[in-house]
Amino acid sequence: MEVMDVWVDVLSSVEGGRQRVTVHLYGGQSLKGVVVELDRARKSVVLDEFAQGAAATRHESPVHTILLTAVQAVTVHKAE
């Protein structure tokens, strides 16, 4: 199993929900948000920074598209 497959498994378990994650990138940057979309074909994930509930599907706050090849680690936070 490739490392990218691990990220797909982890992120797909919280996709579309309200559970927040922190995606740690190579180079030291980290982005926190709710996984609103996991694109397996493009090997990318879309995080919405401030999503709460239904906002997670509307992209009302800053949205980040991250290539899974740039991901070094993923932290899944406890559900609130």
PDB file of N, CA and C in Angstrom:
ATOM      1  N   MET A   1       0.846  -1.180   0.000  1.00  0.00           N
ATOM      2  CA  MET A   1       0.000   0.000   0.000  1.00  0.00           C
ATOM      3  C   MET A   1       0.891   1.243   0.000  1.00  0.00           C
ATOM      4  N   GLU A   2       0.594   2.170  -0.887  1.00  0.00           N
ATOM      5  CA  GLU A   2       1.349   3.415  -0.961  1.00  0.00           C
ATOM      6  C   GLU A   2       0.909   4.363   0.141  1.00  0.00           C
ATOM      7  N   VAL A   3       1.782   5.306   0.475  1.00  0.00           N
ATOM      8  CA  VAL A   3       1.460   6.295   1.499  1.00  0.00           C
ATOM      9  C   VAL A   3       0.208   7.074   1.113  1.00  0.00           C
ATOM     10  N   MET A   4       0.082   7.402  -0.172  1.00  0.00           N
ATOM     11  CA  MET A   4      -1.081   8.160  -0.626  1.00  0.00           C
ATOM     12  C   MET A   4      -2.378   7.390  -0.373  1.00  0.00           C
ATOM     13  N   ASP A   5      -2.338   6.074  -0.507  1.00  0.00           N
ATOM     14  CA  ASP A   5      -3.520   5.253  -0.235  1.00  0.00           C
ATOM     15  C   ASP A   5      -3.936   5.354   1.231  1.00  0.00           C
ATOM     16  N   VAL A   6      -2.957   5.486   2.107  1.00  0.00           N
ATOM     17  CA  VAL A   6      -3.254   5.651   3.535  1.00  0.00           C
ATOM     18  C   VAL A   6      -3.998   6.957   3.758  1.00  0.00           C
ATOM     19  N   TRP A   7      -3.538   8.047   3.113  1.00  0.00           N
ATOM     20  CA  TRP A   7      -4.211   9.347   3.272  1.00  0.00           C
ATOM     21  C   TRP A   7      -5.626   9.279   2.717  1.00  0.00           C
ATOM     22  N   VAL A   8      -5.816   8.590   1.608  1.00  0.00           N
ATOM     23  CA  VAL A   8      -7.162   8.439   1.037  1.00  0.00           C
ATOM     24  C   VAL A   8      -8.065   7.721   2.033  1.00  0.00           C
ATOM     25  N   ASP A   9      -7.573   6.648   2.642  1.00  0.00           N
ATOM     26  CA  ASP A   9      -8.369   5.907   3.625  1.00  0.00           C
ATOM     27  C   ASP A   9      -8.735   6.776   4.823  1.00  0.00           C
ATOM     28  N   VAL A  10      -7.749   7.488   5.359  1.00  0.00           N
ATOM     29  CA  VAL A  10      -7.983   8.324   6.541  1.00  0.00           C
ATOM     30  C   VAL A  10      -8.947   9.457   6.223  1.00  0.00           C
ATOM     31  N   LEU A  11      -8.700  10.165   5.127  1.00  0.00           N
ATOM     32  CA  LEU A  11      -9.516  11.330   4.790  1.00  0.00           C
ATOM     33  C   LEU A  11     -10.917  10.947   4.329  1.00  0.00           C
ATOM     34  N   SER A  12     -11.061   9.803   3.678  1.00  0.00           N
ATOM     35  CA  SER A  12     -12.394   9.391   3.227  1.00  0.00           C
ATOM     36  C   SER A  12     -13.301   9.069   4.409  1.00  0.00           C
ATOM     37  N   SER A  13     -12.717   8.687   5.534  1.00  0.00           N
ATOM     38  CA  SER A  13     -13.530   8.367   6.712  1.00  0.00           C
ATOM     39  C   SER A  13     -14.179   9.603   7.327  1.00  0.00           C
ATOM     40  N   VAL A  14     -13.668  10.795   7.024  1.00  0.00           N
ATOM     41  CA  VAL A  14     -14.239  12.032   7.573  1.00  0.00           C
ATOM     42  C   VAL A  14     -14.781  12.961   6.483  1.00  0.00           C
ATOM     43  N   GLU A  15     -14.740  12.523   5.243  1.00  0.00           N
ATOM     44  CA  GLU A  15     -15.204  13.348   4.116  1.00  0.00           C
ATOM     45  C   GLU A  15     -16.679  13.685   4.263  1.00  0.00           C
ATOM     46  N   GLY A  16     -17.006  14.968   4.096  1.00  0.00           N
ATOM     47  CA  GLY A  16     -18.397  15.410   4.136  1.00  0.00           C
ATOM     48  C   GLY A  16     -18.973  15.550   5.530  1.00  0.00           C
ATOM     49  N   GLY A  17     -18.193  15.238   6.540  1.00  0.00           N
ATOM     50  CA  GLY A  17     -18.672  15.346   7.915  1.00  0.00           C
ATOM     51  C   GLY A  17     -18.269  16.665   8.541  1.00  0.00           C
ATOM     52  N   ARG A  18     -18.385  16.718   9.859  1.00  0.00           N
ATOM     53  CA  ARG A  18     -18.047  17.936  10.590  1.00  0.00           C
ATOM     54  C   ARG A  18     -16.741  17.798  11.357  1.00  0.00           C
ATOM     55  N   GLN A  19     -16.136  16.623  11.298  1.00  0.00           N
ATOM     56  CA  GLN A  19     -14.914  16.376  12.052  1.00  0.00           C
ATOM     57  C   GLN A  19     -13.739  17.089  11.397  1.00  0.00           C
ATOM     58  N   ARG A  20     -12.976  17.808  12.219  1.00  0.00           N
ATOM     59  CA  ARG A  20     -11.858  18.589  11.704  1.00  0.00           C
ATOM     60  C   ARG A  20     -10.590  17.743  11.626  1.00  0.00           C
ATOM     61  N   VAL A  21      -9.758  18.090  10.661  1.00  0.00           N
ATOM     62  CA  VAL A  21      -8.466  17.429  10.489  1.00  0.00           C
ATOM     63  C   VAL A  21      -7.389  18.497  10.325  1.00  0.00           C
ATOM     64  N   THR A  22      -6.170  18.123  10.606  1.00  0.00           N
ATOM     65  CA  THR A  22      -5.014  18.951  10.273  1.00  0.00           C
ATOM     66  C   THR A  22      -4.180  18.158   9.286  1.00  0.00           C
ATOM     67  N   VAL A  23      -3.907  18.771   8.143  1.00  0.00           N
ATOM     68  CA  VAL A  23      -3.074  18.145   7.122  1.00  0.00           C
ATOM     69  C   VAL A  23      -1.698  18.803   7.207  1.00  0.00           C
ATOM     70  N   HIS A  24      -0.691  17.999   7.512  1.00  0.00           N
ATOM     71  CA  HIS A  24       0.682  18.474   7.649  1.00  0.00           C
ATOM     72  C   HIS A  24       1.403  18.218   6.327  1.00  0.00           C
ATOM     73  N   LEU A  25       1.966  19.279   5.764  1.00  0.00           N
ATOM     74  CA  LEU A  25       2.617  19.184   4.458  1.00  0.00           C
ATOM     75  C   LEU A  25       4.131  19.107   4.600  1.00  0.00           C
ATOM     76  N   TYR A  26       4.767  18.506   3.599  1.00  0.00           N
ATOM     77  CA  TYR A  26       6.224  18.538   3.547  1.00  0.00           C
ATOM     78  C   TYR A  26       6.646  20.000   3.486  1.00  0.00           C
ATOM     79  N   GLY A  27       7.659  20.374   4.226  1.00  0.00           N
ATOM     80  CA  GLY A  27       8.097  21.763   4.273  1.00  0.00           C
ATOM     81  C   GLY A  27       7.638  22.466   5.534  1.00  0.00           C
ATOM     82  N   GLY A  28       6.780  21.814   6.323  1.00  0.00           N
ATOM     83  CA  GLY A  28       6.412  22.367   7.619  1.00  0.00           C
ATOM     84  C   GLY A  28       5.070  23.063   7.732  1.00  0.00           C
ATOM     85  N   GLN A  29       4.398  23.341   6.634  1.00  0.00           N
ATOM     86  CA  GLN A  29       3.103  24.019   6.708  1.00  0.00           C
ATOM     87  C   GLN A  29       2.012  23.032   7.105  1.00  0.00           C
ATOM     88  N   SER A  30       1.028  23.529   7.854  1.00  0.00           N
ATOM     89  CA  SER A  30      -0.123  22.713   8.239  1.00  0.00           C
ATOM     90  C   SER A  30      -1.400  23.482   7.952  1.00  0.00           C
ATOM     91  N   LEU A  31      -2.423  22.772   7.504  1.00  0.00           N
ATOM     92  CA  LEU A  31      -3.724  23.373   7.229  1.00  0.00           C
ATOM     93  C   LEU A  31      -4.782  22.591   7.986  1.00  0.00           C
ATOM     94  N   LYS A  32      -5.687  23.328   8.637  1.00  0.00           N
ATOM     95  CA  LYS A  32      -6.727  22.689   9.436  1.00  0.00           C
ATOM     96  C   LYS A  32      -8.079  23.004   8.821  1.00  0.00           C
ATOM     97  N   GLY A  33      -8.966  22.024   8.822  1.00  0.00           N
ATOM     98  CA  GLY A  33     -10.305  22.262   8.301  1.00  0.00           C
ATOM     99  C   GLY A  33     -11.128  20.999   8.256  1.00  0.00           C
ATOM    100  N   VAL A  34     -12.242  21.105   7.548  1.00  0.00           N
ATOM    101  CA  VAL A  34     -13.173  20.002   7.352  1.00  0.00           C
ATOM    102  C   VAL A  34     -12.988  19.497   5.924  1.00  0.00           C
ATOM    103  N   VAL A  35     -12.934  18.189   5.746  1.00  0.00           N
ATOM    104  CA  VAL A  35     -12.769  17.600   4.415  1.00  0.00           C
ATOM    105  C   VAL A  35     -14.108  17.682   3.685  1.00  0.00           C
ATOM    106  N   VAL A  36     -14.186  18.554   2.671  1.00  0.00           N
ATOM    107  CA  VAL A  36     -15.427  18.688   1.911  1.00  0.00           C
ATOM    108  C   VAL A  36     -15.408  17.857   0.638  1.00  0.00           C
ATOM    109  N   GLU A  37     -14.214  17.518   0.168  1.00  0.00           N
ATOM    110  CA  GLU A  37     -14.131  16.695  -1.045  1.00  0.00           C
ATOM    111  C   GLU A  37     -12.790  15.976  -1.088  1.00  0.00           C
ATOM    112  N   LEU A  38     -12.846  14.718  -1.449  1.00  0.00           N
ATOM    113  CA  LEU A  38     -11.644  13.924  -1.666  1.00  0.00           C
ATOM    114  C   LEU A  38     -11.712  13.423  -3.098  1.00  0.00           C
ATOM    115  N   ASP A  39     -10.840  13.969  -3.952  1.00  0.00           N
ATOM    116  CA  ASP A  39     -10.847  13.629  -5.373  1.00  0.00           C
ATOM    117  C   ASP A  39      -9.801  12.548  -5.624  1.00  0.00           C
ATOM    118  N   ARG A  40     -10.266  11.316  -5.746  1.00  0.00           N
ATOM    119  CA  ARG A  40      -9.348  10.196  -5.923  1.00  0.00           C
ATOM    120  C   ARG A  40      -8.671  10.223  -7.290  1.00  0.00           C
ATOM    121  N   ALA A  41      -9.360  10.708  -8.315  1.00  0.00           N
ATOM    122  CA  ALA A  41      -8.796  10.760  -9.666  1.00  0.00           C
ATOM    123  C   ALA A  41      -7.648  11.767  -9.744  1.00  0.00           C
ATOM    124  N   ARG A  42      -7.849  12.930  -9.142  1.00  0.00           N
ATOM    125  CA  ARG A  42      -6.812  13.972  -9.167  1.00  0.00           C
ATOM    126  C   ARG A  42      -5.850  13.861  -7.995  1.00  0.00           C
ATOM    127  N   LYS A  43      -6.145  12.926  -7.094  1.00  0.00           N
ATOM    128  CA  LYS A  43      -5.316  12.711  -5.902  1.00  0.00           C
ATOM    129  C   LYS A  43      -5.159  14.004  -5.119  1.00  0.00           C
ATOM    130  N   SER A  44      -6.316  14.597  -4.772  1.00  0.00           N
ATOM    131  CA  SER A  44      -6.310  15.840  -4.009  1.00  0.00           C
ATOM    132  C   SER A  44      -7.435  15.827  -2.981  1.00  0.00           C
ATOM    133  N   VAL A  45      -7.299  16.713  -2.003  1.00  0.00           N
ATOM    134  CA  VAL A  45      -8.314  16.869  -0.966  1.00  0.00           C
ATOM    135  C   VAL A  45      -8.640  18.353  -0.854  1.00  0.00           C
ATOM    136  N   VAL A  46      -9.911  18.667  -0.605  1.00  0.00           N
ATOM    137  CA  VAL A  46     -10.349  20.045  -0.418  1.00  0.00           C
ATOM    138  C   VAL A  46     -10.724  20.220   1.045  1.00  0.00           C
ATOM    139  N   LEU A  47     -10.062  21.179   1.710  1.00  0.00           N
ATOM    140  CA  LEU A  47     -10.359  21.500   3.103  1.00  0.00           C
ATOM    141  C   LEU A  47     -11.041  22.849   3.177  1.00  0.00           C
ATOM    142  N   ASP A  48     -12.064  22.951   4.009  1.00  0.00           N
ATOM    143  CA  ASP A  48     -12.741  24.210   4.291  1.00  0.00           C
ATOM    144  C   ASP A  48     -12.340  24.602   5.707  1.00  0.00           C
ATOM    145  N   GLU A  49     -11.673  25.753   5.852  1.00  0.00           N
ATOM    146  CA  GLU A  49     -11.079  26.153   7.130  1.00  0.00           C
ATOM    147  C   GLU A  49     -12.063  26.314   8.272  1.00  0.00           C
ATOM    148  N   PHE A  50     -13.151  27.017   8.034  1.00  0.00           N
ATOM    149  CA  PHE A  50     -14.033  27.392   9.132  1.00  0.00           C
ATOM    150  C   PHE A  50     -15.402  26.755   9.042  1.00  0.00           C
ATOM    151  N   ALA A  51     -15.534  25.700   8.278  1.00  0.00           N
ATOM    152  CA  ALA A  51     -16.838  25.067   8.054  1.00  0.00           C
ATOM    153  C   ALA A  51     -17.445  24.575   9.359  1.00  0.00           C
ATOM    154  N   GLN A  52     -18.721  24.840   9.495  1.00  0.00           N
ATOM    155  CA  GLN A  52     -19.497  24.339  10.626  1.00  0.00           C
ATOM    156  C   GLN A  52     -20.803  23.812  10.066  1.00  0.00           C
ATOM    157  N   GLY A  53     -21.050  22.554  10.232  1.00  0.00           N
ATOM    158  CA  GLY A  53     -22.308  21.971   9.776  1.00  0.00           C
ATOM    159  C   GLY A  53     -22.496  22.070   8.282  1.00  0.00           C
ATOM    160  N   ALA A  54     -23.626  22.651   7.852  1.00  0.00           N
ATOM    161  CA  ALA A  54     -23.988  22.717   6.437  1.00  0.00           C
ATOM    162  C   ALA A  54     -23.007  23.554   5.621  1.00  0.00           C
ATOM    163  N   ALA A  55     -22.274  24.443   6.256  1.00  0.00           N
ATOM    164  CA  ALA A  55     -21.305  25.267   5.523  1.00  0.00           C
ATOM    165  C   ALA A  55     -20.232  24.408   4.875  1.00  0.00           C
ATOM    166  N   ALA A  56     -20.043  23.209   5.386  1.00  0.00           N
ATOM    167  CA  ALA A  56     -19.015  22.320   4.842  1.00  0.00           C
ATOM    168  C   ALA A  56     -19.286  21.964   3.391  1.00  0.00           C
ATOM    169  N   THR A  57     -20.519  22.051   2.954  1.00  0.00           N
ATOM    170  CA  THR A  57     -20.831  21.719   1.566  1.00  0.00           C
ATOM    171  C   THR A  57     -20.980  22.962   0.699  1.00  0.00           C
ATOM    172  N   ARG A  58     -20.950  24.140   1.310  1.00  0.00           N
ATOM    173  CA  ARG A  58     -21.184  25.365   0.538  1.00  0.00           C
ATOM    174  C   ARG A  58     -19.927  26.189   0.297  1.00  0.00           C
ATOM    175  N   HIS A  59     -18.815  25.784   0.851  1.00  0.00           N
ATOM    176  CA  HIS A  59     -17.554  26.524   0.672  1.00  0.00           C
ATOM    177  C   HIS A  59     -17.711  27.997   1.045  1.00  0.00           C
ATOM    178  N   GLU A  60     -18.245  28.271   2.229  1.00  0.00           N
ATOM    179  CA  GLU A  60     -18.455  29.657   2.643  1.00  0.00           C
ATOM    180  C   GLU A  60     -17.215  30.293   3.260  1.00  0.00           C
ATOM    181  N   SER A  61     -16.223  29.526   3.582  1.00  0.00           N
ATOM    182  CA  SER A  61     -15.013  30.056   4.188  1.00  0.00           C
ATOM    183  C   SER A  61     -13.815  29.686   3.310  1.00  0.00           C
ATOM    184  N   PRO A  62     -12.617  30.136   3.691  1.00  0.00           N
ATOM    185  CA  PRO A  62     -11.447  29.815   2.860  1.00  0.00           C
ATOM    186  C   PRO A  62     -11.321  28.320   2.593  1.00  0.00           C
ATOM    187  N   VAL A  63     -11.071  27.991   1.336  1.00  0.00           N
ATOM    188  CA  VAL A  63     -10.992  26.597   0.900  1.00  0.00           C
ATOM    189  C   VAL A  63      -9.591  26.353   0.347  1.00  0.00           C
ATOM    190  N   HIS A  64      -9.021  25.205   0.698  1.00  0.00           N
ATOM    191  CA  HIS A  64      -7.686  24.835   0.227  1.00  0.00           C
ATOM    192  C   HIS A  64      -7.760  23.512  -0.516  1.00  0.00           C
ATOM    193  N   THR A  65      -7.170  23.460  -1.700  1.00  0.00           N
ATOM    194  CA  THR A  65      -7.040  22.206  -2.439  1.00  0.00           C
ATOM    195  C   THR A  65      -5.593  21.749  -2.293  1.00  0.00           C
ATOM    196  N   ILE A  66      -5.424  20.529  -1.797  1.00  0.00           N
ATOM    197  CA  ILE A  66      -4.097  20.015  -1.470  1.00  0.00           C
ATOM    198  C   ILE A  66      -3.855  18.721  -2.237  1.00  0.00           C
ATOM    199  N   LEU A  67      -2.731  18.644  -2.926  1.00  0.00           N
ATOM    200  CA  LEU A  67      -2.355  17.391  -3.584  1.00  0.00           C
ATOM    201  C   LEU A  67      -1.889  16.397  -2.524  1.00  0.00           C
ATOM    202  N   LEU A  68      -2.357  15.170  -2.618  1.00  0.00           N
ATOM    203  CA  LEU A  68      -2.011  14.162  -1.618  1.00  0.00           C
ATOM    204  C   LEU A  68      -0.521  13.832  -1.612  1.00  0.00           C
ATOM    205  N   THR A  69       0.167  14.094  -2.727  1.00  0.00           N
ATOM    206  CA  THR A  69       1.611  13.843  -2.771  1.00  0.00           C
ATOM    207  C   THR A  69       2.375  14.805  -1.862  1.00  0.00           C
ATOM    208  N   ALA A  70       1.747  15.926  -1.480  1.00  0.00           N
ATOM    209  CA  ALA A  70       2.385  16.912  -0.608  1.00  0.00           C
ATOM    210  C   ALA A  70       2.139  16.639   0.870  1.00  0.00           C
ATOM    211  N   VAL A  71       1.309  15.643   1.182  1.00  0.00           N
ATOM    212  CA  VAL A  71       0.914  15.370   2.563  1.00  0.00           C
ATOM    213  C   VAL A  71       1.956  14.495   3.253  1.00  0.00           C
ATOM    214  N   GLN A  72       2.417  14.982   4.410  1.00  0.00           N
ATOM    215  CA  GLN A  72       3.374  14.226   5.216  1.00  0.00           C
ATOM    216  C   GLN A  72       2.664  13.479   6.343  1.00  0.00           C
ATOM    217  N   ALA A  73       1.608  14.094   6.905  1.00  0.00           N
ATOM    218  CA  ALA A  73       0.870  13.466   8.005  1.00  0.00           C
ATOM    219  C   ALA A  73      -0.526  14.066   8.070  1.00  0.00           C
ATOM    220  N   VAL A  74      -1.432  13.328   8.702  1.00  0.00           N
ATOM    221  CA  VAL A  74      -2.806  13.802   8.898  1.00  0.00           C
ATOM    222  C   VAL A  74      -3.179  13.557  10.354  1.00  0.00           C
ATOM    223  N   THR A  75      -3.739  14.590  10.994  1.00  0.00           N
ATOM    224  CA  THR A  75      -4.265  14.456  12.351  1.00  0.00           C
ATOM    225  C   THR A  75      -5.772  14.593  12.278  1.00  0.00           C
ATOM    226  N   VAL A  76      -6.493  13.589  12.764  1.00  0.00           N
ATOM    227  CA  VAL A  76      -7.954  13.658  12.843  1.00  0.00           C
ATOM    228  C   VAL A  76      -8.288  14.033  14.275  1.00  0.00           C
ATOM    229  N   HIS A  77      -8.985  15.171  14.447  1.00  0.00           N
ATOM    230  CA  HIS A  77      -9.301  15.675  15.782  1.00  0.00           C
ATOM    231  C   HIS A  77     -10.560  15.013  16.328  1.00  0.00           C
ATOM    232  N   LYS A  78     -10.670  14.989  17.635  1.00  0.00           N
ATOM    233  CA  LYS A  78     -11.855  14.425  18.277  1.00  0.00           C
ATOM    234  C   LYS A  78     -13.092  15.176  17.820  1.00  0.00           C
ATOM    235  N   ALA A  79     -14.179  14.443  17.647  1.00  0.00           N
ATOM    236  CA  ALA A  79     -15.447  15.076  17.277  1.00  0.00           C
ATOM    237  C   ALA A  79     -15.910  15.951  18.429  1.00  0.00           C
ATOM    238  N   GLU A  80     -16.445  17.127  18.087  1.00  0.00           N
ATOM    239  CA  GLU A  80     -16.907  18.068  19.118  1.00  0.00           C
ATOM    240  C   GLU A  80     -18.263  17.688  19.635  1.00  0.00           C
TER     241      GLU A  80
END
